[in-house]
């Protein structure tokens, strides 16, 4: 993940595949979102989506394998947030994730994270292999 950033803040980290590793980057992300004027509601949504993507990469992508890392790139400006998460797993097909809103699936937890990320972010896009995701949120020009 080589990046040229135009954002006010950006950070690139490699996280170990262990539970709780996401805090390394999400704490700083939260701080920067606040510093760049994002509302508490927006910060909550972005944090939830970022956390979900990173935890999915650690648990489902790398299967908590200590030999594998998760690469995370974040950039934050006053009107744009971009988070990229890439694991070293085999990938998955997001189209195969069951629709958790179907009545027969309401009690099944899998699939909720992908739906949450889609509802909270402006854009979510997986690479062809399915082991990397880009989350973006754009602030409307007229937002206060």
C-alpha atoms as a PDB file:
ATOM      1  CA  UNK A   1       0.000   0.000   0.000  1.00  0.00           C
ATOM      2  CA  UNK A   2       2.025   2.977  -1.223  1.00  0.00           C
ATOM      3  CA  UNK A   3       0.171   6.232  -0.750  1.00  0.00           C
ATOM      4  CA  UNK A   4       0.432   9.856  -1.671  1.00  0.00           C
ATOM      5  CA  UNK A   5      -1.752  11.712   0.761  1.00  0.00           C
ATOM      6  CA  UNK A   6      -3.427  15.080   0.382  1.00  0.00           C
ATOM      7  CA  UNK A   7      -5.176  14.744   3.723  1.00  0.00           C
ATOM      8  CA  UNK A   8      -4.430  16.731   6.827  1.00  0.00           C
ATOM      9  CA  UNK A   9      -3.367  13.554   8.652  1.00  0.00           C
ATOM     10  CA  UNK A  10      -2.454  10.073   7.531  1.00  0.00           C
ATOM     11  CA  UNK A  11      -1.046   6.992   9.152  1.00  0.00           C
ATOM     12  CA  UNK A  12       0.092   3.611   7.871  1.00  0.00           C
ATOM     13  CA  UNK A  13       0.568   0.718  10.304  1.00  0.00           C
ATOM     14  CA  UNK A  14       1.033  -3.033  10.294  1.00  0.00           C
ATOM     15  CA  UNK A  15      -0.941  -4.717  13.040  1.00  0.00           C
ATOM     16  CA  UNK A  16      -0.353  -8.144  14.535  1.00  0.00           C
ATOM     17  CA  UNK A  17      -3.171 -10.670  14.067  1.00  0.00           C
ATOM     18  CA  UNK A  18      -4.411 -10.578  17.633  1.00  0.00           C
ATOM     19  CA  UNK A  19      -7.571  -9.361  19.311  1.00  0.00           C
ATOM     20  CA  UNK A  20      -7.340  -5.769  20.491  1.00  0.00           C
ATOM     21  CA  UNK A  21      -4.619  -4.824  17.983  1.00  0.00           C
ATOM     22  CA  UNK A  22      -6.988  -2.396  16.254  1.00  0.00           C
ATOM     23  CA  UNK A  23      -6.744   0.014  19.211  1.00  0.00           C
ATOM     24  CA  UNK A  24      -3.233   0.923  18.030  1.00  0.00           C
ATOM     25  CA  UNK A  25      -4.723   2.822  15.117  1.00  0.00           C
ATOM     26  CA  UNK A  26      -8.379   3.461  16.044  1.00  0.00           C
ATOM     27  CA  UNK A  27      -7.548   5.550  19.129  1.00  0.00           C
ATOM     28  CA  UNK A  28      -5.450   7.892  16.988  1.00  0.00           C
ATOM     29  CA  UNK A  29      -8.077   7.873  14.228  1.00  0.00           C
ATOM     30  CA  UNK A  30     -10.754   8.994  16.720  1.00  0.00           C
ATOM     31  CA  UNK A  31      -8.530  11.795  17.975  1.00  0.00           C
ATOM     32  CA  UNK A  32      -7.841  13.010  14.437  1.00  0.00           C
ATOM     33  CA  UNK A  33     -11.511  12.875  13.397  1.00  0.00           C
ATOM     34  CA  UNK A  34     -12.339  15.141  16.335  1.00  0.00           C
ATOM     35  CA  UNK A  35      -9.422  17.444  15.532  1.00  0.00           C
ATOM     36  CA  UNK A  36     -10.659  17.789  11.947  1.00  0.00           C
ATOM     37  CA  UNK A  37     -14.165  18.761  13.045  1.00  0.00           C
ATOM     38  CA  UNK A  38     -16.155  15.587  12.390  1.00  0.00           C
ATOM     39  CA  UNK A  39     -19.298  15.374  14.546  1.00  0.00           C
ATOM     40  CA  UNK A  40     -19.663  12.872  17.382  1.00  0.00           C
ATOM     41  CA  UNK A  41     -22.220  10.948  15.299  1.00  0.00           C
ATOM     42  CA  UNK A  42     -19.873  10.780  12.296  1.00  0.00           C
ATOM     43  CA  UNK A  43     -16.927   9.784  14.495  1.00  0.00           C
ATOM     44  CA  UNK A  44     -18.991   6.960  16.024  1.00  0.00           C
ATOM     45  CA  UNK A  45     -19.989   5.642  12.583  1.00  0.00           C
ATOM     46  CA  UNK A  46     -16.473   5.843  11.134  1.00  0.00           C
ATOM     47  CA  UNK A  47     -14.954   4.243  14.239  1.00  0.00           C
ATOM     48  CA  UNK A  48     -17.459   1.372  14.113  1.00  0.00           C
ATOM     49  CA  UNK A  49     -16.798   0.744  10.405  1.00  0.00           C
ATOM     50  CA  UNK A  50     -13.003   0.912  10.824  1.00  0.00           C
ATOM     51  CA  UNK A  51     -13.072  -1.378  13.852  1.00  0.00           C
ATOM     52  CA  UNK A  52     -15.274  -3.874  12.009  1.00  0.00           C
ATOM     53  CA  UNK A  53     -12.983  -3.923   8.963  1.00  0.00           C
ATOM     54  CA  UNK A  54      -9.839  -4.399  11.064  1.00  0.00           C
ATOM     55  CA  UNK A  55     -11.352  -7.079  13.310  1.00  0.00           C
ATOM     56  CA  UNK A  56     -12.673  -8.922  10.226  1.00  0.00           C
ATOM     57  CA  UNK A  57      -9.161  -8.850   8.727  1.00  0.00           C
ATOM     58  CA  UNK A  58      -7.570 -10.145  11.943  1.00  0.00           C
ATOM     59  CA  UNK A  59     -10.160 -12.814  12.799  1.00  0.00           C
ATOM     60  CA  UNK A  60     -11.626 -13.910   9.444  1.00  0.00           C
ATOM     61  CA  UNK A  61      -8.844 -12.945   7.035  1.00  0.00           C
ATOM     62  CA  UNK A  62      -5.717 -13.905   8.975  1.00  0.00           C
ATOM     63  CA  UNK A  63      -7.565 -16.295  11.317  1.00  0.00           C
ATOM     64  CA  UNK A  64      -5.550 -14.894  14.270  1.00  0.00           C
ATOM     65  CA  UNK A  65      -2.365 -16.343  12.729  1.00  0.00           C
ATOM     66  CA  UNK A  66       0.573 -14.689  14.554  1.00  0.00           C
ATOM     67  CA  UNK A  67       2.723 -15.046  11.424  1.00  0.00           C
ATOM     68  CA  UNK A  68       0.368 -12.730   9.482  1.00  0.00           C
ATOM     69  CA  UNK A  69      -0.163  -8.976   9.719  1.00  0.00           C
ATOM     70  CA  UNK A  70      -2.934  -6.566   8.800  1.00  0.00           C
ATOM     71  CA  UNK A  71      -1.912  -3.413   6.934  1.00  0.00           C
ATOM     72  CA  UNK A  72      -4.012  -0.351   7.753  1.00  0.00           C
ATOM     73  CA  UNK A  73      -3.830   3.036   6.066  1.00  0.00           C
ATOM     74  CA  UNK A  74      -5.928   5.975   7.274  1.00  0.00           C
ATOM     75  CA  UNK A  75      -6.229   9.517   6.080  1.00  0.00           C
ATOM     76  CA  UNK A  76      -8.384  12.254   7.533  1.00  0.00           C
ATOM     77  CA  UNK A  77      -9.180  15.754   6.362  1.00  0.00           C
ATOM     78  CA  UNK A  78     -12.031  18.108   7.196  1.00  0.00           C
ATOM     79  CA  UNK A  79     -14.334  16.621   4.553  1.00  0.00           C
ATOM     80  CA  UNK A  80     -12.933  13.202   3.645  1.00  0.00           C
ATOM     81  CA  UNK A  81     -11.917  10.041   5.480  1.00  0.00           C
ATOM     82  CA  UNK A  82     -10.306   7.036   3.820  1.00  0.00           C
ATOM     83  CA  UNK A  83      -9.407   3.792   5.555  1.00  0.00           C
ATOM     84  CA  UNK A  84      -7.777   0.855   3.786  1.00  0.00           C
ATOM     85  CA  UNK A  85      -7.409  -2.522   5.460  1.00  0.00           C
ATOM     86  CA  UNK A  86      -5.564  -5.451   3.902  1.00  0.00           C
ATOM     87  CA  UNK A  87      -4.960  -8.872   5.429  1.00  0.00           C
ATOM     88  CA  UNK A  88      -2.759 -11.773   4.350  1.00  0.00           C
ATOM     89  CA  UNK A  89      -5.622 -14.258   4.134  1.00  0.00           C
ATOM     90  CA  UNK A  90      -7.221 -16.018   1.172  1.00  0.00           C
ATOM     91  CA  UNK A  91      -9.902 -13.351   0.741  1.00  0.00           C
ATOM     92  CA  UNK A  92     -13.646 -13.756   0.396  1.00  0.00           C
ATOM     93  CA  UNK A  93     -16.461 -12.827  -1.959  1.00  0.00           C
ATOM     94  CA  UNK A  94     -18.514 -10.050  -0.350  1.00  0.00           C
ATOM     95  CA  UNK A  95     -21.424 -10.972  -2.630  1.00  0.00           C
ATOM     96  CA  UNK A  96     -21.601 -14.330  -0.820  1.00  0.00           C
ATOM     97  CA  UNK A  97     -22.158 -12.728   2.592  1.00  0.00           C
ATOM     98  CA  UNK A  98     -25.757 -13.523   3.529  1.00  0.00           C
ATOM     99  CA  UNK A  99     -28.252 -10.659   3.735  1.00  0.00           C
ATOM    100  CA  UNK A 100     -28.690 -10.238   7.474  1.00  0.00           C
ATOM    101  CA  UNK A 101     -31.899  -8.219   6.987  1.00  0.00           C
ATOM    102  CA  UNK A 102     -33.856 -11.208   5.659  1.00  0.00           C
ATOM    103  CA  UNK A 103     -36.337 -12.401   8.247  1.00  0.00           C
ATOM    104  CA  UNK A 104     -34.916 -15.927   8.389  1.00  0.00           C
ATOM    105  CA  UNK A 105     -31.445 -14.455   9.087  1.00  0.00           C
ATOM    106  CA  UNK A 106     -32.313 -11.901  11.776  1.00  0.00           C
ATOM    107  CA  UNK A 107     -30.961 -14.146  14.551  1.00  0.00           C
ATOM    108  CA  UNK A 108     -27.701 -14.983  12.743  1.00  0.00           C
ATOM    109  CA  UNK A 109     -24.835 -12.619  13.561  1.00  0.00           C
ATOM    110  CA  UNK A 110     -22.696 -13.137  10.431  1.00  0.00           C
ATOM    111  CA  UNK A 111     -23.095 -10.581   7.689  1.00  0.00           C
ATOM    112  CA  UNK A 112     -24.010  -7.716  10.014  1.00  0.00           C
ATOM    113  CA  UNK A 113     -20.546  -6.144   9.934  1.00  0.00           C
ATOM    114  CA  UNK A 114     -20.488  -5.763   6.166  1.00  0.00           C
ATOM    115  CA  UNK A 115     -23.978  -4.240   6.233  1.00  0.00           C
ATOM    116  CA  UNK A 116     -22.972  -1.848   9.033  1.00  0.00           C
ATOM    117  CA  UNK A 117     -19.902  -0.700   7.132  1.00  0.00           C
ATOM    118  CA  UNK A 118     -21.988  -0.099   3.996  1.00  0.00           C
ATOM    119  CA  UNK A 119     -24.600   1.908   5.909  1.00  0.00           C
ATOM    120  CA  UNK A 120     -22.061   4.085   7.750  1.00  0.00           C
ATOM    121  CA  UNK A 121     -19.670   4.925   4.919  1.00  0.00           C
ATOM    122  CA  UNK A 122     -20.071   6.782   1.609  1.00  0.00           C
ATOM    123  CA  UNK A 123     -18.162   4.075  -0.284  1.00  0.00           C
ATOM    124  CA  UNK A 124     -16.911   0.593   0.536  1.00  0.00           C
ATOM    125  CA  UNK A 125     -15.000  -1.391  -2.041  1.00  0.00           C
ATOM    126  CA  UNK A 126     -13.197  -4.727  -1.882  1.00  0.00           C
ATOM    127  CA  UNK A 127     -10.308  -5.766  -4.101  1.00  0.00           C
ATOM    128  CA  UNK A 128     -10.774  -8.676  -6.519  1.00  0.00           C
ATOM    129  CA  UNK A 129      -9.211 -11.206  -4.143  1.00  0.00           C
ATOM    130  CA  UNK A 130     -11.393 -10.047  -1.245  1.00  0.00           C
ATOM    131  CA  UNK A 131      -8.549  -9.560   1.240  1.00  0.00           C
ATOM    132  CA  UNK A 132      -8.507  -5.748   1.128  1.00  0.00           C
ATOM    133  CA  UNK A 133     -11.209  -3.144   1.617  1.00  0.00           C
ATOM    134  CA  UNK A 134     -11.370   0.614   1.148  1.00  0.00           C
ATOM    135  CA  UNK A 135     -13.801   2.565   3.327  1.00  0.00           C
ATOM    136  CA  UNK A 136     -14.501   6.185   2.474  1.00  0.00           C
ATOM    137  CA  UNK A 137     -16.709   8.821   3.999  1.00  0.00           C
ATOM    138  CA  UNK A 138     -17.226  12.223   2.431  1.00  0.00           C
ATOM    139  CA  UNK A 139     -18.771  15.111   4.267  1.00  0.00           C
ATOM    140  CA  UNK A 140     -21.370  17.132   2.389  1.00  0.00           C
ATOM    141  CA  UNK A 141     -20.186  20.617   1.462  1.00  0.00           C
ATOM    142  CA  UNK A 142     -23.072  22.212   3.380  1.00  0.00           C
ATOM    143  CA  UNK A 143     -22.552  20.175   6.574  1.00  0.00           C
ATOM    144  CA  UNK A 144     -21.706  22.136   9.698  1.00  0.00           C
END
